[in-house]
Amino acid sequence: QVQLVESGGGLVQPGGSLRLSCAASGSGFSRNAMAWYRQAPGKQRDLVASITSGGSTNYADSVKGRFTISRDNAKNTVSLQMNSLKPEDTAVYYCYAANVFQIFWGQGTQVTVSS
């Protein structure tokens, strides 16, 4: 069983930066694919960025060049560095982990981009 706890959300002005972190408990973290999703009010939950166990990354077109996902297998953490934030980035951000057998979600952290 994997438990995911996000942190780092908050209120930021347009053009600002935030760094989200997700701490994973349980075994086998390094074998999990990890990702960040987000869900704005009234919208579906969408993939923001993902990183495989081998370190390959993938980004939604809307965040390419602004967001960076990374992982530290020694610390069982995955992070999302978000730069040049826009109001349309406002959402609840969820950490996601997946292996061959199961998927896991964190509880979410709110990111609000507003002046």
Protein backbone atom coordinates (compact mmCIF):
# COMPACT_ATOMS: atom_id res chain seq x y z
CA GLN A 1 0.00 0.00 0.00
CA VAL A 2 1.23 3.47 -0.90
CA GLN A 3 0.12 6.68 0.80
CA LEU A 4 0.73 10.00 -0.89
CA VAL A 5 0.79 13.36 0.87
CA GLU A 6 1.04 16.58 -1.13
CA SER A 7 2.32 19.91 0.11
CA GLY A 8 3.33 23.29 -1.27
CA GLY A 9 0.08 24.64 -2.64
CA GLY A 10 -1.14 28.15 -1.98
CA LEU A 11 -1.99 31.54 -3.45
CA VAL A 12 0.40 33.11 -5.92
CA GLN A 13 0.24 36.06 -8.29
CA PRO A 14 0.31 35.57 -12.05
CA GLY A 15 3.88 35.10 -13.20
CA GLY A 16 4.93 33.67 -9.87
CA SER A 17 6.26 30.24 -8.92
CA LEU A 18 5.31 27.40 -6.62
CA ARG A 19 6.87 24.06 -5.88
CA LEU A 20 4.62 21.13 -5.03
CA SER A 21 5.97 18.08 -3.24
CA CYS A 22 4.52 14.64 -2.76
CA ALA A 23 5.85 12.33 -0.08
CA ALA A 24 5.17 8.63 -0.55
CA SER A 25 5.10 6.02 2.17
CA GLY A 26 5.23 2.31 1.63
CA SER A 27 7.61 0.15 -0.29
CA GLY A 28 8.56 0.07 -3.92
CA PHE A 29 8.47 3.79 -4.63
CA SER A 30 11.23 3.61 -7.19
CA ARG A 31 9.22 1.12 -9.25
CA ASN A 32 6.18 3.37 -9.46
CA ALA A 33 5.38 5.70 -12.27
CA MET A 34 4.49 9.06 -10.71
CA ALA A 35 2.44 11.96 -11.96
CA TRP A 36 0.67 15.17 -11.12
CA TYR A 37 -2.94 15.76 -12.16
CA ARG A 38 -5.12 18.78 -11.63
CA GLN A 39 -8.81 19.47 -11.46
CA ALA A 40 -10.40 22.88 -11.77
CA PRO A 41 -13.95 23.49 -10.53
CA GLY A 42 -16.48 21.96 -12.88
CA LYS A 43 -13.83 20.32 -15.03
CA GLN A 44 -12.38 16.85 -15.35
CA ARG A 45 -9.12 15.79 -13.75
CA ASP A 46 -6.32 16.15 -16.28
CA LEU A 47 -2.74 14.99 -16.44
CA VAL A 48 -0.21 17.76 -15.87
CA ALA A 49 3.08 15.87 -15.89
CA SER A 50 4.37 12.35 -15.41
CA ILE A 51 7.68 10.66 -14.73
CA THR A 52 8.48 6.99 -15.17
CA SER A 53 10.55 4.84 -12.85
CA GLY A 54 13.40 5.38 -15.27
CA GLY A 55 13.06 9.17 -15.19
CA SER A 56 11.37 9.81 -18.53
CA THR A 57 9.00 12.76 -18.36
CA ASN A 58 5.89 13.86 -20.18
CA TYR A 59 3.98 17.16 -19.95
CA ALA A 60 0.63 18.53 -20.95
CA ASP A 61 1.00 21.04 -23.78
CA SER A 62 -0.40 23.78 -21.58
CA VAL A 63 2.50 23.53 -19.09
CA LYS A 64 5.45 22.66 -21.33
CA GLY A 65 8.35 24.99 -20.71
CA ARG A 66 6.86 26.24 -17.44
CA PHE A 67 6.55 23.17 -15.22
CA THR A 68 9.17 20.58 -14.32
CA ILE A 69 8.52 17.23 -12.67
CA SER A 70 11.28 15.43 -10.80
CA ARG A 71 11.66 12.55 -8.39
CA ASP A 72 14.04 11.58 -5.63
CA ASN A 73 13.90 7.84 -5.10
CA ALA A 74 16.15 8.03 -2.05
CA LYS A 75 13.63 10.31 -0.32
CA ASN A 76 10.47 8.80 -1.84
CA THR A 77 9.36 12.15 -3.16
CA VAL A 78 8.15 13.62 -6.42
CA SER A 79 8.03 17.34 -7.03
CA LEU A 80 6.47 19.74 -9.49
CA GLN A 81 8.22 23.06 -10.02
CA MET A 82 5.73 25.51 -11.49
CA ASN A 83 6.98 28.76 -13.00
CA SER A 84 5.29 31.56 -14.90
CA LEU A 85 1.98 30.62 -13.35
CA LYS A 86 -1.24 31.74 -15.01
CA PRO A 87 -4.77 32.12 -13.64
CA GLU A 88 -5.80 29.12 -15.71
CA ASP A 89 -3.39 26.99 -13.66
CA THR A 90 -5.73 27.40 -10.69
CA ALA A 91 -6.88 23.94 -9.59
CA VAL A 92 -6.53 21.24 -7.01
CA TYR A 93 -3.33 19.35 -7.79
CA TYR A 94 -3.18 15.63 -7.08
CA CYS A 95 -0.20 13.34 -6.75
CA TYR A 96 -0.56 9.97 -8.49
CA ALA A 97 1.39 6.74 -8.28
CA ALA A 98 0.97 3.60 -10.33
CA ASN A 99 2.55 0.19 -10.59
CA VAL A 100 1.56 -2.99 -12.36
CA PHE A 101 -1.09 -3.82 -9.80
CA GLN A 102 -2.53 -0.61 -8.36
CA ILE A 103 -2.93 3.12 -8.63
CA PHE A 104 -2.86 5.56 -5.72
CA TRP A 105 -3.97 9.16 -5.27
CA GLY A 106 -3.07 11.84 -2.78
CA GLN A 107 -5.66 14.06 -1.14
CA GLY A 108 -4.84 17.07 -3.28
CA THR A 109 -3.45 20.54 -2.68
CA GLN A 110 -5.04 23.79 -3.82
CA VAL A 111 -3.15 26.11 -6.14
CA THR A 112 -4.69 29.51 -6.76
CA VAL A 113 -3.18 31.97 -9.21
CA SER A 114 -4.71 35.38 -8.78
CA SER A 115 -3.79 39.02 -8.37
